[in-house]
C-alpha atoms as a PDB file:
ATOM      1  CA  UNK A   1      24.031 205.821  27.491  1.00  0.00           C
ATOM      2  CA  UNK A   2      24.481 205.677  23.728  1.00  0.00           C
ATOM      3  CA  UNK A   3      27.733 207.296  22.644  1.00  0.00           C
ATOM      4  CA  UNK A   4      26.909 210.461  20.650  1.00  0.00           C
ATOM      5  CA  UNK A   5      28.521 213.865  20.505  1.00  0.00           C
ATOM      6  CA  UNK A   6      27.334 216.921  22.431  1.00  0.00           C
ATOM      7  CA  UNK A   7      25.514 218.078  19.281  1.00  0.00           C
ATOM      8  CA  UNK A   8      23.506 214.881  19.251  1.00  0.00           C
ATOM      9  CA  UNK A   9      25.241 213.464  16.189  1.00  0.00           C
ATOM     10  CA  UNK A  10      26.625 209.963  16.031  1.00  0.00           C
ATOM     11  CA  UNK A  11      30.231 209.361  15.127  1.00  0.00           C
ATOM     12  CA  UNK A  12      30.761 207.897  11.680  1.00  0.00           C
ATOM     13  CA  UNK A  13      30.850 204.088  11.822  1.00  0.00           C
ATOM     14  CA  UNK A  14      34.147 202.309  11.284  1.00  0.00           C
ATOM     15  CA  UNK A  15      33.723 198.875   9.729  1.00  0.00           C
ATOM     16  CA  UNK A  16      36.528 196.351  10.222  1.00  0.00           C
ATOM     17  CA  UNK A  17      36.923 193.479   7.795  1.00  0.00           C
ATOM     18  CA  UNK A  18      38.330 190.636   9.899  1.00  0.00           C
ATOM     19  CA  UNK A  19      40.290 188.602   7.366  1.00  0.00           C
ATOM     20  CA  UNK A  20      42.017 186.689  10.138  1.00  0.00           C
ATOM     21  CA  UNK A  21      43.233 183.416   8.674  1.00  0.00           C
ATOM     22  CA  UNK A  22      40.645 183.258   5.898  1.00  0.00           C
ATOM     23  CA  UNK A  23      43.474 183.707   3.380  1.00  0.00           C
ATOM     24  CA  UNK A  24      44.194 179.956   3.700  1.00  0.00           C
ATOM     25  CA  UNK A  25      47.902 180.672   4.097  1.00  0.00           C
ATOM     26  CA  UNK A  26      48.089 182.151   0.590  1.00  0.00           C
ATOM     27  CA  UNK A  27      49.692 185.621   0.516  1.00  0.00           C
ATOM     28  CA  UNK A  28      48.076 186.499  -2.818  1.00  0.00           C
ATOM     29  CA  UNK A  29      44.634 185.686  -1.439  1.00  0.00           C
ATOM     30  CA  UNK A  30      45.414 187.888   1.563  1.00  0.00           C
ATOM     31  CA  UNK A  31      46.146 190.837  -0.745  1.00  0.00           C
ATOM     32  CA  UNK A  32      43.051 190.095  -2.787  1.00  0.00           C
ATOM     33  CA  UNK A  33      40.928 190.150   0.371  1.00  0.00           C
ATOM     34  CA  UNK A  34      42.422 193.539   1.245  1.00  0.00           C
ATOM     35  CA  UNK A  35      41.455 194.919  -2.166  1.00  0.00           C
ATOM     36  CA  UNK A  36      37.956 193.477  -1.853  1.00  0.00           C
ATOM     37  CA  UNK A  37      37.653 195.003   1.629  1.00  0.00           C
ATOM     38  CA  UNK A  38      38.581 198.412   0.242  1.00  0.00           C
ATOM     39  CA  UNK A  39      36.150 198.038  -2.660  1.00  0.00           C
ATOM     40  CA  UNK A  40      33.394 197.089  -0.203  1.00  0.00           C
ATOM     41  CA  UNK A  41      33.848 200.434   1.557  1.00  0.00           C
ATOM     42  CA  UNK A  42      35.189 199.393   4.962  1.00  0.00           C
ATOM     43  CA  UNK A  43      37.541 201.442   7.140  1.00  0.00           C
ATOM     44  CA  UNK A  44      40.069 198.782   8.153  1.00  0.00           C
ATOM     45  CA  UNK A  45      41.073 195.182   7.523  1.00  0.00           C
ATOM     46  CA  UNK A  46      42.618 192.947  10.142  1.00  0.00           C
ATOM     47  CA  UNK A  47      44.703 189.780  10.252  1.00  0.00           C
ATOM     48  CA  UNK A  48      45.988 187.602  13.126  1.00  0.00           C
ATOM     49  CA  UNK A  49      49.508 186.961  14.415  1.00  0.00           C
ATOM     50  CA  UNK A  50      50.580 184.003  16.533  1.00  0.00           C
ATOM     51  CA  UNK A  51      53.821 182.418  17.687  1.00  0.00           C
ATOM     52  CA  UNK A  52      52.298 179.003  17.990  1.00  0.00           C
ATOM     53  CA  UNK A  53      54.957 177.296  20.102  1.00  0.00           C
ATOM     54  CA  UNK A  54      54.679 180.142  22.601  1.00  0.00           C
ATOM     55  CA  UNK A  55      50.896 180.142  22.552  1.00  0.00           C
ATOM     56  CA  UNK A  56      50.268 176.383  22.629  1.00  0.00           C
ATOM     57  CA  UNK A  57      51.455 173.690  24.994  1.00  0.00           C
ATOM     58  CA  UNK A  58      53.414 170.838  23.354  1.00  0.00           C
ATOM     59  CA  UNK A  59      50.349 168.642  23.831  1.00  0.00           C
ATOM     60  CA  UNK A  60      48.123 171.146  22.051  1.00  0.00           C
ATOM     61  CA  UNK A  61      50.676 171.741  19.311  1.00  0.00           C
ATOM     62  CA  UNK A  62      51.087 168.038  18.532  1.00  0.00           C
ATOM     63  CA  UNK A  63      47.444 167.040  18.886  1.00  0.00           C
ATOM     64  CA  UNK A  64      45.259 166.414  15.839  1.00  0.00           C
ATOM     65  CA  UNK A  65      43.056 169.276  14.686  1.00  0.00           C
ATOM     66  CA  UNK A  66      39.665 168.896  16.408  1.00  0.00           C
ATOM     67  CA  UNK A  67      37.980 169.071  12.989  1.00  0.00           C
ATOM     68  CA  UNK A  68      40.303 167.298  10.514  1.00  0.00           C
ATOM     69  CA  UNK A  69      38.248 168.459   7.531  1.00  0.00           C
ATOM     70  CA  UNK A  70      39.297 172.043   8.296  1.00  0.00           C
ATOM     71  CA  UNK A  71      42.957 171.277   8.967  1.00  0.00           C
ATOM     72  CA  UNK A  72      45.913 172.402   6.851  1.00  0.00           C
ATOM     73  CA  UNK A  73      48.331 170.048   8.633  1.00  0.00           C
ATOM     74  CA  UNK A  74      48.631 166.664  10.319  1.00  0.00           C
ATOM     75  CA  UNK A  75      48.597 168.278  13.783  1.00  0.00           C
ATOM     76  CA  UNK A  76      46.969 171.413  15.165  1.00  0.00           C
ATOM     77  CA  UNK A  77      50.409 173.028  15.371  1.00  0.00           C
ATOM     78  CA  UNK A  78      51.151 172.274  11.717  1.00  0.00           C
ATOM     79  CA  UNK A  79      47.731 173.653  10.794  1.00  0.00           C
ATOM     80  CA  UNK A  80      48.405 176.907  12.632  1.00  0.00           C
ATOM     81  CA  UNK A  81      51.917 177.269  11.175  1.00  0.00           C
ATOM     82  CA  UNK A  82      50.553 176.817   7.643  1.00  0.00           C
ATOM     83  CA  UNK A  83      48.221 179.778   8.163  1.00  0.00           C
ATOM     84  CA  UNK A  84      50.856 182.053   9.725  1.00  0.00           C
ATOM     85  CA  UNK A  85      52.505 184.995   7.965  1.00  0.00           C
ATOM     86  CA  UNK A  86      55.900 186.273   9.128  1.00  0.00           C
ATOM     87  CA  UNK A  87      56.645 189.867  10.089  1.00  0.00           C
ATOM     88  CA  UNK A  88      57.983 190.795   6.654  1.00  0.00           C
ATOM     89  CA  UNK A  89      54.764 189.574   5.084  1.00  0.00           C
ATOM     90  CA  UNK A  90      52.697 191.576   7.577  1.00  0.00           C
ATOM     91  CA  UNK A  91      54.810 194.612   6.748  1.00  0.00           C
ATOM     92  CA  UNK A  92      54.048 194.103   3.066  1.00  0.00           C
ATOM     93  CA  UNK A  93      50.324 193.722   3.815  1.00  0.00           C
ATOM     94  CA  UNK A  94      50.408 196.988   5.775  1.00  0.00           C
ATOM     95  CA  UNK A  95      52.155 198.812   2.918  1.00  0.00           C
ATOM     96  CA  UNK A  96      49.689 197.434   0.407  1.00  0.00           C
ATOM     97  CA  UNK A  97      46.722 198.389   2.597  1.00  0.00           C
ATOM     98  CA  UNK A  98      48.007 201.949   2.916  1.00  0.00           C
ATOM     99  CA  UNK A  99      48.607 202.174  -0.836  1.00  0.00           C
ATOM    100  CA  UNK A 100      44.900 201.567  -1.467  1.00  0.00           C
ATOM    101  CA  UNK A 101      43.664 203.783   1.360  1.00  0.00           C
ATOM    102  CA  UNK A 102      42.798 201.034   3.835  1.00  0.00           C
ATOM    103  CA  UNK A 103      43.807 200.846   7.502  1.00  0.00           C
ATOM    104  CA  UNK A 104      45.788 197.687   8.351  1.00  0.00           C
ATOM    105  CA  UNK A 105      45.632 195.959  11.724  1.00  0.00           C
ATOM    106  CA  UNK A 106      46.305 192.619  13.361  1.00  0.00           C
ATOM    107  CA  UNK A 107      45.093 190.670  16.369  1.00  0.00           C
ATOM    108  CA  UNK A 108      47.992 189.439  18.501  1.00  0.00           C
ATOM    109  CA  UNK A 109      47.772 186.254  20.554  1.00  0.00           C
ATOM    110  CA  UNK A 110      51.040 186.258  22.504  1.00  0.00           C
ATOM    111  CA  UNK A 111      53.788 188.540  23.799  1.00  0.00           C
ATOM    112  CA  UNK A 112      56.217 187.873  20.951  1.00  0.00           C
ATOM    113  CA  UNK A 113      53.563 188.626  18.333  1.00  0.00           C
ATOM    114  CA  UNK A 114      52.661 191.839  20.167  1.00  0.00           C
ATOM    115  CA  UNK A 115      56.299 192.975  20.182  1.00  0.00           C
ATOM    116  CA  UNK A 116      56.633 192.198  16.480  1.00  0.00           C
ATOM    117  CA  UNK A 117      53.476 193.962  15.323  1.00  0.00           C
ATOM    118  CA  UNK A 118      54.319 197.022  17.437  1.00  0.00           C
ATOM    119  CA  UNK A 119      57.353 197.447  15.152  1.00  0.00           C
ATOM    120  CA  UNK A 120      54.939 198.100  12.259  1.00  0.00           C
ATOM    121  CA  UNK A 121      53.164 200.835  14.253  1.00  0.00           C
ATOM    122  CA  UNK A 122      49.630 200.197  12.964  1.00  0.00           C
ATOM    123  CA  UNK A 123      46.799 202.557  13.901  1.00  0.00           C
ATOM    124  CA  UNK A 124      45.402 199.926  16.247  1.00  0.00           C
ATOM    125  CA  UNK A 125      46.204 196.436  17.507  1.00  0.00           C
ATOM    126  CA  UNK A 126      43.475 194.019  18.562  1.00  0.00           C
ATOM    127  CA  UNK A 127      43.433 191.705  21.578  1.00  0.00           C
ATOM    128  CA  UNK A 128      41.134 188.723  20.922  1.00  0.00           C
ATOM    129  CA  UNK A 129      38.676 187.537  23.547  1.00  0.00           C
ATOM    130  CA  UNK A 130      40.851 184.515  24.280  1.00  0.00           C
ATOM    131  CA  UNK A 131      43.790 186.716  25.316  1.00  0.00           C
ATOM    132  CA  UNK A 132      42.305 189.626  27.272  1.00  0.00           C
ATOM    133  CA  UNK A 133      43.544 188.092  30.535  1.00  0.00           C
ATOM    134  CA  UNK A 134      47.111 187.695  29.190  1.00  0.00           C
ATOM    135  CA  UNK A 135      48.550 190.432  31.402  1.00  0.00           C
ATOM    136  CA  UNK A 136      52.132 190.117  30.152  1.00  0.00           C
ATOM    137  CA  UNK A 137      50.955 190.743  26.606  1.00  0.00           C
ATOM    138  CA  UNK A 138      48.661 193.564  27.717  1.00  0.00           C
ATOM    139  CA  UNK A 139      51.630 195.102  29.508  1.00  0.00           C
ATOM    140  CA  UNK A 140      53.594 195.169  26.259  1.00  0.00           C
ATOM    141  CA  UNK A 141      50.702 196.866  24.454  1.00  0.00           C
ATOM    142  CA  UNK A 142      50.235 199.350  27.288  1.00  0.00           C
ATOM    143  CA  UNK A 143      53.878 200.251  27.851  1.00  0.00           C
ATOM    144  CA  UNK A 144      55.562 199.813  24.448  1.00  0.00           C
ATOM    145  CA  UNK A 145      52.874 200.864  21.958  1.00  0.00           C
ATOM    146  CA  UNK A 146      51.200 204.242  21.437  1.00  0.00           C
ATOM    147  CA  UNK A 147      48.261 203.387  19.167  1.00  0.00           C
ATOM    148  CA  UNK A 148      44.741 202.268  20.045  1.00  0.00           C
ATOM    149  CA  UNK A 149      44.323 198.919  21.768  1.00  0.00           C
ATOM    150  CA  UNK A 150      41.100 197.167  20.813  1.00  0.00           C
ATOM    151  CA  UNK A 151      39.927 194.421  23.176  1.00  0.00           C
ATOM    152  CA  UNK A 152      37.125 191.899  22.624  1.00  0.00           C
ATOM    153  CA  UNK A 153      35.109 190.642  25.586  1.00  0.00           C
ATOM    154  CA  UNK A 154      33.703 187.308  24.426  1.00  0.00           C
ATOM    155  CA  UNK A 155      33.771 184.607  27.124  1.00  0.00           C
ATOM    156  CA  UNK A 156      34.893 187.288  29.603  1.00  0.00           C
ATOM    157  CA  UNK A 157      33.441 188.115  33.027  1.00  0.00           C
ATOM    158  CA  UNK A 158      32.687 191.649  34.188  1.00  0.00           C
ATOM    159  CA  UNK A 159      35.479 191.287  36.759  1.00  0.00           C
ATOM    160  CA  UNK A 160      37.933 190.380  33.989  1.00  0.00           C
ATOM    161  CA  UNK A 161      36.829 193.373  31.938  1.00  0.00           C
ATOM    162  CA  UNK A 162      37.288 195.634  34.939  1.00  0.00           C
ATOM    163  CA  UNK A 163      40.753 194.166  35.489  1.00  0.00           C
ATOM    164  CA  UNK A 164      42.111 195.019  32.040  1.00  0.00           C
ATOM    165  CA  UNK A 165      40.560 198.500  32.048  1.00  0.00           C
ATOM    166  CA  UNK A 166      42.087 199.239  35.477  1.00  0.00           C
ATOM    167  CA  UNK A 167      45.395 197.814  34.267  1.00  0.00           C
ATOM    168  CA  UNK A 168      45.537 200.489  31.562  1.00  0.00           C
ATOM    169  CA  UNK A 169      44.207 203.137  33.948  1.00  0.00           C
ATOM    170  CA  UNK A 170      47.134 202.505  36.308  1.00  0.00           C
ATOM    171  CA  UNK A 171      49.381 204.324  33.835  1.00  0.00           C
ATOM    172  CA  UNK A 172      46.797 206.702  32.402  1.00  0.00           C
ATOM    173  CA  UNK A 173      46.460 204.714  29.186  1.00  0.00           C
ATOM    174  CA  UNK A 174      42.813 203.606  29.221  1.00  0.00           C
ATOM    175  CA  UNK A 175      41.914 206.484  26.891  1.00  0.00           C
ATOM    176  CA  UNK A 176      43.495 204.348  24.141  1.00  0.00           C
ATOM    177  CA  UNK A 177      41.133 201.411  24.718  1.00  0.00           C
ATOM    178  CA  UNK A 178      38.293 200.431  22.411  1.00  0.00           C
ATOM    179  CA  UNK A 179      36.170 197.733  24.081  1.00  0.00           C
ATOM    180  CA  UNK A 180      34.129 195.307  21.979  1.00  0.00           C
ATOM    181  CA  UNK A 181      30.896 193.606  22.928  1.00  0.00           C
ATOM    182  CA  UNK A 182      31.215 190.060  21.630  1.00  0.00           C
ATOM    183  CA  UNK A 183      29.870 186.540  22.015  1.00  0.00           C
ATOM    184  CA  UNK A 184      32.412 183.827  21.257  1.00  0.00           C
ATOM    185  CA  UNK A 185      30.777 181.305  18.956  1.00  0.00           C
ATOM    186  CA  UNK A 186      30.988 180.412  15.254  1.00  0.00           C
ATOM    187  CA  UNK A 187      28.302 181.188  14.245  1.00  0.00           C
ATOM    188  CA  UNK A 188      26.320 182.782  17.094  1.00  0.00           C
ATOM    189  CA  UNK A 189      22.499 182.426  17.073  1.00  0.00           C
ATOM    190  CA  UNK A 190      20.714 185.745  17.421  1.00  0.00           C
ATOM    191  CA  UNK A 191      19.421 185.002  20.917  1.00  0.00           C
ATOM    192  CA  UNK A 192      23.049 184.669  22.094  1.00  0.00           C
ATOM    193  CA  UNK A 193      24.295 187.948  20.582  1.00  0.00           C
ATOM    194  CA  UNK A 194      22.949 189.807  23.653  1.00  0.00           C
ATOM    195  CA  UNK A 195      23.292 193.210  22.041  1.00  0.00           C
ATOM    196  CA  UNK A 196      22.112 195.103  25.118  1.00  0.00           C
ATOM    197  CA  UNK A 197      25.392 194.199  26.806  1.00  0.00           C
ATOM    198  CA  UNK A 198      26.676 197.224  24.904  1.00  0.00           C
ATOM    199  CA  UNK A 199      24.581 199.446  27.174  1.00  0.00           C
ATOM    200  CA  UNK A 200      25.907 197.762  30.326  1.00  0.00           C
ATOM    201  CA  UNK A 201      29.424 198.157  28.996  1.00  0.00           C
ATOM    202  CA  UNK A 202      28.877 201.869  28.469  1.00  0.00           C
ATOM    203  CA  UNK A 203      27.448 202.231  31.973  1.00  0.00           C
ATOM    204  CA  UNK A 204      30.640 200.688  33.369  1.00  0.00           C
ATOM    205  CA  UNK A 205      33.271 202.290  31.173  1.00  0.00           C
ATOM    206  CA  UNK A 206      31.866 205.496  29.628  1.00  0.00           C
ATOM    207  CA  UNK A 207      34.474 208.203  30.197  1.00  0.00           C
ATOM    208  CA  UNK A 208      37.105 205.630  31.151  1.00  0.00           C
ATOM    209  CA  UNK A 209      37.839 204.182  27.695  1.00  0.00           C
ATOM    210  CA  UNK A 210      37.967 205.802  24.267  1.00  0.00           C
ATOM    211  CA  UNK A 211      35.151 204.071  22.381  1.00  0.00           C
ATOM    212  CA  UNK A 212      32.901 201.037  22.200  1.00  0.00           C
ATOM    213  CA  UNK A 213      32.590 198.448  19.473  1.00  0.00           C
ATOM    214  CA  UNK A 214      30.821 195.281  18.361  1.00  0.00           C
ATOM    215  CA  UNK A 215      32.409 192.115  17.021  1.00  0.00           C
ATOM    216  CA  UNK A 216      29.723 189.942  15.454  1.00  0.00           C
ATOM    217  CA  UNK A 217      29.877 186.250  14.625  1.00  0.00           C
ATOM    218  CA  UNK A 218      26.227 185.935  13.633  1.00  0.00           C
ATOM    219  CA  UNK A 219      24.764 185.240  10.206  1.00  0.00           C
ATOM    220  CA  UNK A 220      23.628 188.042   7.923  1.00  0.00           C
ATOM    221  CA  UNK A 221      23.791 191.803   8.482  1.00  0.00           C
ATOM    222  CA  UNK A 222      20.383 192.599   9.958  1.00  0.00           C
ATOM    223  CA  UNK A 223      21.534 193.379  13.501  1.00  0.00           C
ATOM    224  CA  UNK A 224      24.811 195.252  12.992  1.00  0.00           C
ATOM    225  CA  UNK A 225      22.928 198.527  12.535  1.00  0.00           C
ATOM    226  CA  UNK A 226      21.394 197.946  15.970  1.00  0.00           C
ATOM    227  CA  UNK A 227      24.877 197.682  17.455  1.00  0.00           C
ATOM    228  CA  UNK A 228      25.843 200.979  15.876  1.00  0.00           C
ATOM    229  CA  UNK A 229      22.743 202.791  17.074  1.00  0.00           C
ATOM    230  CA  UNK A 230      23.385 201.435  20.584  1.00  0.00           C
ATOM    231  CA  UNK A 231      26.820 203.036  20.632  1.00  0.00           C
ATOM    232  CA  UNK A 232      29.261 200.751  18.807  1.00  0.00           C
ATOM    233  CA  UNK A 233      31.451 203.106  16.787  1.00  0.00           C
ATOM    234  CA  UNK A 234      33.382 200.129  15.398  1.00  0.00           C
ATOM    235  CA  UNK A 235      31.661 197.116  13.823  1.00  0.00           C
ATOM    236  CA  UNK A 236      33.865 194.110  13.050  1.00  0.00           C
ATOM    237  CA  UNK A 237      32.833 191.153  10.908  1.00  0.00           C
ATOM    238  CA  UNK A 238      34.779 188.180   9.596  1.00  0.00           C
ATOM    239  CA  UNK A 239      35.331 188.357   5.830  1.00  0.00           C
ATOM    240  CA  UNK A 240      36.064 185.700   3.222  1.00  0.00           C
ATOM    241  CA  UNK A 241      35.952 185.364  -0.525  1.00  0.00           C
ATOM    242  CA  UNK A 242      34.055 182.081  -0.295  1.00  0.00           C
ATOM    243  CA  UNK A 243      32.117 180.816   2.735  1.00  0.00           C
ATOM    244  CA  UNK A 244      32.520 177.212   1.532  1.00  0.00           C
ATOM    245  CA  UNK A 245      36.334 177.269   1.769  1.00  0.00           C
ATOM    246  CA  UNK A 246      38.094 174.965   4.214  1.00  0.00           C
ATOM    247  CA  UNK A 247      38.603 176.538   7.637  1.00  0.00           C
ATOM    248  CA  UNK A 248      36.739 177.217  10.865  1.00  0.00           C
ATOM    249  CA  UNK A 249      35.850 180.890  10.314  1.00  0.00           C
ATOM    250  CA  UNK A 250      34.504 180.919   6.759  1.00  0.00           C
ATOM    251  CA  UNK A 251      30.984 179.766   7.625  1.00  0.00           C
ATOM    252  CA  UNK A 252      30.528 182.667  10.069  1.00  0.00           C
ATOM    253  CA  UNK A 253      32.041 185.205   7.660  1.00  0.00           C
ATOM    254  CA  UNK A 254      30.577 187.639   5.154  1.00  0.00           C
ATOM    255  CA  UNK A 255      31.390 187.426   1.476  1.00  0.00           C
ATOM    256  CA  UNK A 256      31.957 190.540  -0.631  1.00  0.00           C
ATOM    257  CA  UNK A 257      28.302 191.356  -1.300  1.00  0.00           C
ATOM    258  CA  UNK A 258      27.445 191.076   2.391  1.00  0.00           C
ATOM    259  CA  UNK A 259      30.386 193.224   3.486  1.00  0.00           C
ATOM    260  CA  UNK A 260      29.545 195.852   0.890  1.00  0.00           C
ATOM    261  CA  UNK A 261      25.909 195.991   2.001  1.00  0.00           C
ATOM    262  CA  UNK A 262      26.974 196.182   5.656  1.00  0.00           C
ATOM    263  CA  UNK A 263      29.215 199.191   5.000  1.00  0.00           C
ATOM    264  CA  UNK A 264      26.479 200.795   2.884  1.00  0.00           C
ATOM    265  CA  UNK A 265      23.758 200.275   5.495  1.00  0.00           C
ATOM    266  CA  UNK A 266      25.874 201.563   8.379  1.00  0.00           C
ATOM    267  CA  UNK A 267      26.852 204.679   6.453  1.00  0.00           C
ATOM    268  CA  UNK A 268      23.227 205.251   5.445  1.00  0.00           C
ATOM    269  CA  UNK A 269      22.202 204.921   9.089  1.00  0.00           C
ATOM    270  CA  UNK A 270      24.886 207.411  10.088  1.00  0.00           C
ATOM    271  CA  UNK A 271      23.499 209.936   7.597  1.00  0.00           C
ATOM    272  CA  UNK A 272      19.964 209.378   8.889  1.00  0.00           C
ATOM    273  CA  UNK A 273      20.745 209.739  12.610  1.00  0.00           C
ATOM    274  CA  UNK A 274      20.349 213.521  12.806  1.00  0.00           C
ATOM    275  CA  UNK A 275      17.781 216.064  13.962  1.00  0.00           C
ATOM    276  CA  UNK A 276      15.854 218.275  11.580  1.00  0.00           C
ATOM    277  CA  UNK A 277      17.654 221.574  11.011  1.00  0.00           C
ATOM    278  CA  UNK A 278      14.280 223.299  10.554  1.00  0.00           C
ATOM    279  CA  UNK A 279      10.709 222.273  11.373  1.00  0.00           C
ATOM    280  CA  UNK A 280       9.984 221.969   7.659  1.00  0.00           C
ATOM    281  CA  UNK A 281      12.890 220.737   5.584  1.00  0.00           C
ATOM    282  CA  UNK A 282      13.366 222.147   2.057  1.00  0.00           C
ATOM    283  CA  UNK A 283      12.537 218.711   0.630  1.00  0.00           C
ATOM    284  CA  UNK A 284       9.235 218.837   2.554  1.00  0.00           C
ATOM    285  CA  UNK A 285       8.387 222.416   1.601  1.00  0.00           C
ATOM    286  CA  UNK A 286       7.735 221.407  -1.994  1.00  0.00           C
ATOM    287  CA  UNK A 287       5.264 218.762  -0.853  1.00  0.00           C
ATOM    288  CA  UNK A 288       3.763 221.055   1.779  1.00  0.00           C
ATOM    289  CA  UNK A 289       3.041 223.740  -0.826  1.00  0.00           C
ATOM    290  CA  UNK A 290       1.384 221.140  -3.048  1.00  0.00           C
ATOM    291  CA  UNK A 291      -0.385 218.814  -0.598  1.00  0.00           C
ATOM    292  CA  UNK A 292      -0.866 220.341   2.864  1.00  0.00           C
ATOM    293  CA  UNK A 293      -4.522 220.879   3.844  1.00  0.00           C
ATOM    294  CA  UNK A 294      -5.487 224.535   4.130  1.00  0.00           C
ATOM    295  CA  UNK A 295      -8.681 226.026   5.490  1.00  0.00           C
ATOM    296  CA  UNK A 296     -10.678 227.637   2.697  1.00  0.00           C
END
């Protein structure tokens, strides 16, 4: 069932600009991407936080990057450290976001990162698809944080989805969950987006979680409106200043013009998804008086 209010009106869409690591490790670029996100008309912008030596095994940390052309270090660990901001920097990004009227958030990939970002008390914290079975980290977000917890479901079975929803339900906290339909791929061809999974997700979790969302890794903006009309209150897209920059996410990201058009189209759709207040609207009455056939 598509998520609308009792009056039949959709909730206003909330677009999330996923900056992630597209700042290339440059704090000034990160702030610039926040300003561009605000100018594009989105609701929130999001980064990522990792403690790489906690997240990665020593073998993973010291291995070469799988795509050396995208690497910012000699090893994968060095690459990840180069792209990482510390807590003080995240605090500054949050303050800057709030100063321009933009909601700040971060995806957390490990327990230490979760505990750190909780100190900033953002409106919501995101759990990436890769970490939605990390029960220790989910426990921190459930028990030590009061904001919304957004969880992506790429590469996740129905049983795994049910597990994390029940985990929050155990302490009456599932009403803080926002669950994202997602396919993990960069980029994702349209036939693998599987948008109708949103409907299955609502069948399973309607009334158990707060809201539903869509995290898209496809090209273009043609199908995001479909996600919204199918019940995704939140629409998240990766954002970059330049899709040709070095890094794994840029190619599947939107640039400024695309993000701006996405926010515009979703807000236009929101305005259009209503019922007529009268059989003949005032805008139609003028044309009716002039054009409507009448028996002579």
